[in-house]
C-alpha atoms as a PDB file:
ATOM      1  CA  UNK A   1       0.000   0.000   0.000  1.00  0.00           C
ATOM      2  CA  UNK A   2       1.186   3.519  -0.807  1.00  0.00           C
ATOM      3  CA  UNK A   3       2.384   5.509   2.192  1.00  0.00           C
ATOM      4  CA  UNK A   4       1.309   9.105   2.723  1.00  0.00           C
ATOM      5  CA  UNK A   5       3.234  11.211   5.197  1.00  0.00           C
ATOM      6  CA  UNK A   6       1.123  13.882   6.895  1.00  0.00           C
ATOM      7  CA  UNK A   7       3.604  16.494   8.085  1.00  0.00           C
ATOM      8  CA  UNK A   8       2.299  17.326  11.540  1.00  0.00           C
ATOM      9  CA  UNK A   9       2.807  16.188  15.110  1.00  0.00           C
ATOM     10  CA  UNK A  10      -0.083  18.323  16.384  1.00  0.00           C
ATOM     11  CA  UNK A  11      -2.447  15.829  18.096  1.00  0.00           C
ATOM     12  CA  UNK A  12      -5.538  17.816  17.081  1.00  0.00           C
ATOM     13  CA  UNK A  13      -4.533  17.936  13.422  1.00  0.00           C
ATOM     14  CA  UNK A  14      -3.564  14.249  13.486  1.00  0.00           C
ATOM     15  CA  UNK A  15      -7.027  13.254  14.705  1.00  0.00           C
ATOM     16  CA  UNK A  16      -8.673  15.386  12.024  1.00  0.00           C
ATOM     17  CA  UNK A  17      -6.521  14.072   9.184  1.00  0.00           C
ATOM     18  CA  UNK A  18      -7.122  10.492  10.280  1.00  0.00           C
ATOM     19  CA  UNK A  19     -10.823  11.088   9.621  1.00  0.00           C
ATOM     20  CA  UNK A  20     -10.518  13.445   6.645  1.00  0.00           C
ATOM     21  CA  UNK A  21      -8.281  11.001   4.735  1.00  0.00           C
ATOM     22  CA  UNK A  22     -10.074   7.830   5.817  1.00  0.00           C
ATOM     23  CA  UNK A  23     -11.393   7.121   2.313  1.00  0.00           C
ATOM     24  CA  UNK A  24      -7.973   7.045   0.663  1.00  0.00           C
ATOM     25  CA  UNK A  25      -6.257   3.712  -0.114  1.00  0.00           C
ATOM     26  CA  UNK A  26      -3.067   4.747   1.694  1.00  0.00           C
ATOM     27  CA  UNK A  27      -1.170   4.064   4.879  1.00  0.00           C
ATOM     28  CA  UNK A  28      -1.103   7.364   6.760  1.00  0.00           C
ATOM     29  CA  UNK A  29       2.133   8.089   8.608  1.00  0.00           C
ATOM     30  CA  UNK A  30       3.256  10.957  10.824  1.00  0.00           C
ATOM     31  CA  UNK A  31       6.819  12.271  11.346  1.00  0.00           C
ATOM     32  CA  UNK A  32       7.051  10.951  14.917  1.00  0.00           C
ATOM     33  CA  UNK A  33       6.363   7.410  13.688  1.00  0.00           C
ATOM     34  CA  UNK A  34       9.373   7.683  11.385  1.00  0.00           C
ATOM     35  CA  UNK A  35      11.604   9.263  14.019  1.00  0.00           C
ATOM     36  CA  UNK A  36      11.743  12.468  11.975  1.00  0.00           C
ATOM     37  CA  UNK A  37      12.679  15.602  13.890  1.00  0.00           C
ATOM     38  CA  UNK A  38      12.784  18.061  11.039  1.00  0.00           C
ATOM     39  CA  UNK A  39      12.942  21.748  11.910  1.00  0.00           C
ATOM     40  CA  UNK A  40      11.277  23.610   9.062  1.00  0.00           C
ATOM     41  CA  UNK A  41      11.301  27.394   9.155  1.00  0.00           C
ATOM     42  CA  UNK A  42       7.928  28.618   7.922  1.00  0.00           C
ATOM     43  CA  UNK A  43       9.362  31.740   6.349  1.00  0.00           C
ATOM     44  CA  UNK A  44       6.593  32.352   3.832  1.00  0.00           C
ATOM     45  CA  UNK A  45       4.348  35.396   3.838  1.00  0.00           C
ATOM     46  CA  UNK A  46       1.226  33.430   2.908  1.00  0.00           C
ATOM     47  CA  UNK A  47      -0.412  30.191   3.998  1.00  0.00           C
ATOM     48  CA  UNK A  48       0.325  28.686   0.586  1.00  0.00           C
ATOM     49  CA  UNK A  49       4.024  29.513   0.738  1.00  0.00           C
ATOM     50  CA  UNK A  50       4.351  27.944   4.189  1.00  0.00           C
ATOM     51  CA  UNK A  51       2.386  24.835   3.230  1.00  0.00           C
ATOM     52  CA  UNK A  52       4.620  24.349   0.181  1.00  0.00           C
ATOM     53  CA  UNK A  53       7.810  24.838   2.207  1.00  0.00           C
ATOM     54  CA  UNK A  54       6.750  22.287   4.792  1.00  0.00           C
ATOM     55  CA  UNK A  55       5.449  19.680   2.344  1.00  0.00           C
ATOM     56  CA  UNK A  56       8.563  19.833   0.163  1.00  0.00           C
ATOM     57  CA  UNK A  57      10.942  19.635   3.117  1.00  0.00           C
ATOM     58  CA  UNK A  58       9.275  16.514   4.496  1.00  0.00           C
ATOM     59  CA  UNK A  59       8.852  14.873   1.073  1.00  0.00           C
ATOM     60  CA  UNK A  60      12.527  15.281   0.273  1.00  0.00           C
ATOM     61  CA  UNK A  61      13.665  14.149   3.726  1.00  0.00           C
ATOM     62  CA  UNK A  62      11.418  11.078   3.772  1.00  0.00           C
ATOM     63  CA  UNK A  63      11.192  10.142   0.110  1.00  0.00           C
ATOM     64  CA  UNK A  64       7.438   9.817   0.598  1.00  0.00           C
ATOM     65  CA  UNK A  65       4.383  11.478  -0.859  1.00  0.00           C
ATOM     66  CA  UNK A  66       3.686  14.202   1.723  1.00  0.00           C
ATOM     67  CA  UNK A  67       0.713  16.285   2.763  1.00  0.00           C
ATOM     68  CA  UNK A  68       1.207  19.457   4.793  1.00  0.00           C
ATOM     69  CA  UNK A  69      -0.891  22.454   5.613  1.00  0.00           C
ATOM     70  CA  UNK A  70      -0.653  25.953   6.930  1.00  0.00           C
ATOM     71  CA  UNK A  71      -3.705  27.481   8.490  1.00  0.00           C
ATOM     72  CA  UNK A  72      -4.759  30.317  10.708  1.00  0.00           C
ATOM     73  CA  UNK A  73      -7.319  32.846  11.766  1.00  0.00           C
ATOM     74  CA  UNK A  74      -7.959  36.161  10.033  1.00  0.00           C
ATOM     75  CA  UNK A  75      -9.834  38.798  12.033  1.00  0.00           C
ATOM     76  CA  UNK A  76     -11.111  41.761  10.030  1.00  0.00           C
ATOM     77  CA  UNK A  77     -11.049  44.224  12.945  1.00  0.00           C
ATOM     78  CA  UNK A  78      -7.334  43.434  13.366  1.00  0.00           C
ATOM     79  CA  UNK A  79      -6.479  43.922   9.711  1.00  0.00           C
ATOM     80  CA  UNK A  80      -6.331  40.184   9.062  1.00  0.00           C
ATOM     81  CA  UNK A  81      -4.205  39.331  12.078  1.00  0.00           C
ATOM     82  CA  UNK A  82      -3.103  36.979  13.478  1.00  0.00           C
ATOM     83  CA  UNK A  83      -3.021  35.383  10.000  1.00  0.00           C
ATOM     84  CA  UNK A  84       0.096  33.371   9.214  1.00  0.00           C
ATOM     85  CA  UNK A  85       1.320  34.113  12.724  1.00  0.00           C
ATOM     86  CA  UNK A  86      -1.686  32.465  14.378  1.00  0.00           C
ATOM     87  CA  UNK A  87       0.376  29.758  16.075  1.00  0.00           C
ATOM     88  CA  UNK A  88       2.927  32.326  17.281  1.00  0.00           C
ATOM     89  CA  UNK A  89       0.478  35.116  18.131  1.00  0.00           C
ATOM     90  CA  UNK A  90       1.110  35.102  21.884  1.00  0.00           C
ATOM     91  CA  UNK A  91       4.839  34.469  21.578  1.00  0.00           C
ATOM     92  CA  UNK A  92       6.988  31.369  22.022  1.00  0.00           C
ATOM     93  CA  UNK A  93       6.109  28.544  24.423  1.00  0.00           C
ATOM     94  CA  UNK A  94       2.500  29.700  24.759  1.00  0.00           C
ATOM     95  CA  UNK A  95      -0.531  27.417  24.626  1.00  0.00           C
ATOM     96  CA  UNK A  96      -3.897  27.619  22.878  1.00  0.00           C
ATOM     97  CA  UNK A  97      -5.564  29.403  25.800  1.00  0.00           C
ATOM     98  CA  UNK A  98      -2.811  32.044  25.877  1.00  0.00           C
ATOM     99  CA  UNK A  99      -3.376  32.741  22.196  1.00  0.00           C
ATOM    100  CA  UNK A 100      -7.146  33.071  22.248  1.00  0.00           C
ATOM    101  CA  UNK A 101      -7.079  35.094  25.463  1.00  0.00           C
ATOM    102  CA  UNK A 102      -4.698  37.549  23.802  1.00  0.00           C
ATOM    103  CA  UNK A 103      -7.089  37.704  20.862  1.00  0.00           C
ATOM    104  CA  UNK A 104     -10.071  38.400  23.119  1.00  0.00           C
ATOM    105  CA  UNK A 105      -8.104  41.163  24.827  1.00  0.00           C
ATOM    106  CA  UNK A 106      -7.244  42.744  21.470  1.00  0.00           C
ATOM    107  CA  UNK A 107     -10.960  42.746  20.586  1.00  0.00           C
ATOM    108  CA  UNK A 108     -12.171  43.897  24.004  1.00  0.00           C
ATOM    109  CA  UNK A 109     -13.692  47.141  22.675  1.00  0.00           C
ATOM    110  CA  UNK A 110     -14.935  45.752  19.360  1.00  0.00           C
ATOM    111  CA  UNK A 111     -18.747  45.443  19.446  1.00  0.00           C
ATOM    112  CA  UNK A 112     -20.934  42.639  18.081  1.00  0.00           C
ATOM    113  CA  UNK A 113     -21.363  42.889  14.352  1.00  0.00           C
ATOM    114  CA  UNK A 114     -17.774  44.062  13.867  1.00  0.00           C
ATOM    115  CA  UNK A 115     -16.002  40.868  14.946  1.00  0.00           C
ATOM    116  CA  UNK A 116     -16.083  39.024  11.604  1.00  0.00           C
ATOM    117  CA  UNK A 117     -13.328  36.482  11.028  1.00  0.00           C
ATOM    118  CA  UNK A 118     -12.449  33.376   9.082  1.00  0.00           C
ATOM    119  CA  UNK A 119     -10.315  30.311   9.395  1.00  0.00           C
ATOM    120  CA  UNK A 120      -8.197  29.740   6.293  1.00  0.00           C
ATOM    121  CA  UNK A 121      -6.233  26.624   5.364  1.00  0.00           C
ATOM    122  CA  UNK A 122      -3.995  25.719   2.435  1.00  0.00           C
ATOM    123  CA  UNK A 123      -2.982  22.088   1.989  1.00  0.00           C
ATOM    124  CA  UNK A 124       0.007  21.112  -0.131  1.00  0.00           C
ATOM    125  CA  UNK A 125       0.706  17.693  -1.593  1.00  0.00           C
ATOM    126  CA  UNK A 126       4.390  17.243  -2.425  1.00  0.00           C
ATOM    127  CA  UNK A 127       6.024  14.430  -4.334  1.00  0.00           C
ATOM    128  CA  UNK A 128       9.662  13.532  -3.684  1.00  0.00           C
ATOM    129  CA  UNK A 129      10.565  14.796  -7.179  1.00  0.00           C
ATOM    130  CA  UNK A 130       9.528  18.326  -6.121  1.00  0.00           C
ATOM    131  CA  UNK A 131       6.087  18.463  -7.724  1.00  0.00           C
ATOM    132  CA  UNK A 132       3.609  20.293  -5.479  1.00  0.00           C
ATOM    133  CA  UNK A 133      -0.162  20.654  -5.684  1.00  0.00           C
ATOM    134  CA  UNK A 134      -2.175  22.969  -3.429  1.00  0.00           C
ATOM    135  CA  UNK A 135      -5.791  23.666  -2.521  1.00  0.00           C
ATOM    136  CA  UNK A 136      -7.440  25.983  -0.035  1.00  0.00           C
ATOM    137  CA  UNK A 137     -10.478  26.129   2.198  1.00  0.00           C
ATOM    138  CA  UNK A 138     -12.201  28.872   4.205  1.00  0.00           C
ATOM    139  CA  UNK A 139     -14.685  28.801   7.070  1.00  0.00           C
ATOM    140  CA  UNK A 140     -16.454  32.091   7.832  1.00  0.00           C
ATOM    141  CA  UNK A 141     -17.554  33.218  11.274  1.00  0.00           C
ATOM    142  CA  UNK A 142     -16.973  35.747  14.017  1.00  0.00           C
ATOM    143  CA  UNK A 143     -15.126  35.997  17.294  1.00  0.00           C
ATOM    144  CA  UNK A 144     -17.157  35.550  20.470  1.00  0.00           C
ATOM    145  CA  UNK A 145     -16.600  37.243  23.819  1.00  0.00           C
ATOM    146  CA  UNK A 146     -15.623  34.156  25.839  1.00  0.00           C
ATOM    147  CA  UNK A 147     -14.434  30.621  25.082  1.00  0.00           C
ATOM    148  CA  UNK A 148     -17.075  27.888  24.798  1.00  0.00           C
ATOM    149  CA  UNK A 149     -16.956  24.201  23.975  1.00  0.00           C
ATOM    150  CA  UNK A 150     -15.011  21.067  24.768  1.00  0.00           C
ATOM    151  CA  UNK A 151     -13.893  19.942  21.324  1.00  0.00           C
ATOM    152  CA  UNK A 152     -11.274  21.107  18.865  1.00  0.00           C
ATOM    153  CA  UNK A 153      -8.064  23.007  19.526  1.00  0.00           C
ATOM    154  CA  UNK A 154      -6.403  26.326  18.759  1.00  0.00           C
ATOM    155  CA  UNK A 155      -8.860  29.201  18.433  1.00  0.00           C
ATOM    156  CA  UNK A 156     -11.900  26.908  18.118  1.00  0.00           C
ATOM    157  CA  UNK A 157     -13.437  27.908  21.496  1.00  0.00           C
ATOM    158  CA  UNK A 158     -13.789  31.582  20.491  1.00  0.00           C
ATOM    159  CA  UNK A 159     -14.715  31.153  16.804  1.00  0.00           C
ATOM    160  CA  UNK A 160     -18.472  31.213  16.203  1.00  0.00           C
ATOM    161  CA  UNK A 161     -19.196  29.394  12.946  1.00  0.00           C
ATOM    162  CA  UNK A 162     -21.726  30.961  10.581  1.00  0.00           C
ATOM    163  CA  UNK A 163     -24.699  28.721   9.903  1.00  0.00           C
ATOM    164  CA  UNK A 164     -24.517  26.741  13.144  1.00  0.00           C
ATOM    165  CA  UNK A 165     -26.966  28.703  15.263  1.00  0.00           C
ATOM    166  CA  UNK A 166     -24.253  30.514  17.165  1.00  0.00           C
ATOM    167  CA  UNK A 167     -22.085  27.531  18.086  1.00  0.00           C
ATOM    168  CA  UNK A 168     -18.336  27.863  18.380  1.00  0.00           C
ATOM    169  CA  UNK A 169     -16.101  25.480  16.487  1.00  0.00           C
ATOM    170  CA  UNK A 170     -15.278  23.854  19.830  1.00  0.00           C
ATOM    171  CA  UNK A 171     -18.969  23.142  20.458  1.00  0.00           C
ATOM    172  CA  UNK A 172     -19.325  21.179  17.229  1.00  0.00           C
ATOM    173  CA  UNK A 173     -18.784  17.411  17.454  1.00  0.00           C
ATOM    174  CA  UNK A 174     -15.665  16.374  15.527  1.00  0.00           C
ATOM    175  CA  UNK A 175     -17.767  14.635  12.880  1.00  0.00           C
ATOM    176  CA  UNK A 176     -19.583  17.919  12.165  1.00  0.00           C
ATOM    177  CA  UNK A 177     -16.418  20.029  12.257  1.00  0.00           C
ATOM    178  CA  UNK A 178     -14.774  17.672   9.773  1.00  0.00           C
ATOM    179  CA  UNK A 179     -17.535  18.437   7.282  1.00  0.00           C
ATOM    180  CA  UNK A 180     -17.390  22.241   7.359  1.00  0.00           C
ATOM    181  CA  UNK A 181     -14.017  23.360   8.723  1.00  0.00           C
ATOM    182  CA  UNK A 182     -11.413  25.192   6.677  1.00  0.00           C
ATOM    183  CA  UNK A 183      -9.179  22.114   6.782  1.00  0.00           C
ATOM    184  CA  UNK A 184     -12.010  19.839   5.665  1.00  0.00           C
ATOM    185  CA  UNK A 185     -12.827  22.144   2.755  1.00  0.00           C
ATOM    186  CA  UNK A 186      -9.179  22.330   1.700  1.00  0.00           C
ATOM    187  CA  UNK A 187      -8.880  18.538   1.714  1.00  0.00           C
ATOM    188  CA  UNK A 188     -12.154  18.251  -0.226  1.00  0.00           C
ATOM    189  CA  UNK A 189     -10.776  20.666  -2.823  1.00  0.00           C
ATOM    190  CA  UNK A 190      -7.540  18.665  -3.086  1.00  0.00           C
ATOM    191  CA  UNK A 191      -9.305  15.279  -3.208  1.00  0.00           C
ATOM    192  CA  UNK A 192      -9.441  14.840  -7.022  1.00  0.00           C
ATOM    193  CA  UNK A 193      -5.717  15.644  -7.218  1.00  0.00           C
ATOM    194  CA  UNK A 194      -4.974  13.218  -4.392  1.00  0.00           C
ATOM    195  CA  UNK A 195      -6.777  10.429  -6.244  1.00  0.00           C
ATOM    196  CA  UNK A 196      -4.988  11.257  -9.499  1.00  0.00           C
ATOM    197  CA  UNK A 197      -1.525  11.339  -7.886  1.00  0.00           C
ATOM    198  CA  UNK A 198      -2.161   8.090  -6.007  1.00  0.00           C
ATOM    199  CA  UNK A 199      -3.346   6.401  -9.202  1.00  0.00           C
ATOM    200  CA  UNK A 200      -0.229   7.531 -11.068  1.00  0.00           C
ATOM    201  CA  UNK A 201       2.025   6.499  -8.178  1.00  0.00           C
ATOM    202  CA  UNK A 202       0.441   3.052  -8.044  1.00  0.00           C
ATOM    203  CA  UNK A 203       0.787   2.652 -11.830  1.00  0.00           C
ATOM    204  CA  UNK A 204       4.496   3.513 -11.678  1.00  0.00           C
ATOM    205  CA  UNK A 205       4.976   1.148  -8.754  1.00  0.00           C
ATOM    206  CA  UNK A 206       3.226  -1.669 -10.628  1.00  0.00           C
ATOM    207  CA  UNK A 207       5.339  -1.046 -13.741  1.00  0.00           C
ATOM    208  CA  UNK A 208       8.528  -1.190 -11.710  1.00  0.00           C
ATOM    209  CA  UNK A 209       7.358  -4.401 -10.109  1.00  0.00           C
ATOM    210  CA  UNK A 210       6.720  -5.991 -13.488  1.00  0.00           C
ATOM    211  CA  UNK A 211      10.189  -4.966 -14.716  1.00  0.00           C
ATOM    212  CA  UNK A 212      11.698  -6.750 -11.744  1.00  0.00           C
ATOM    213  CA  UNK A 213       9.839 -10.009 -12.437  1.00  0.00           C
END
């Protein structure tokens, strides 16, 4: 079976990808399983640039087909911040609660109706030969005034998802989140390419096997 490396050690992302990619005929692997401790500097100025950088670095280091993403939260009242710096918004060695509490503080004087925001995700599929395919997904919503919910991770407890009756992302069961989240939509957009690349990879593998017979 073809192996697909998903370039994350984030437990929340790993759980989501396990479900989002469940229909693919691949063995899903994560860097920790391979003993990979790659330090990749996400030096891009956009989510797509960072996703490409990460996917290529892991594909070349592992020799495996690799999926990586970069994602974050864009808040209109903050000029699109924290954006690509979402994971580093509160500084180094900070946790999810530190980050969303800083966000709530920054929006303390912003009234309802002016707290629009969106989660954005770009996924990149890199082949060891350097070929990269990307797709993106967006989930629109607004920032609440206090964290709510027991699910999810990151900024999920303060992100109220449009079309859910006022629920935060962290109040949605994982099965529901994995239908409508930015990451789910990015994977859905990439799905036809994933199938095509896997089909081509399997064909090449079969041809090489026949040559060795």
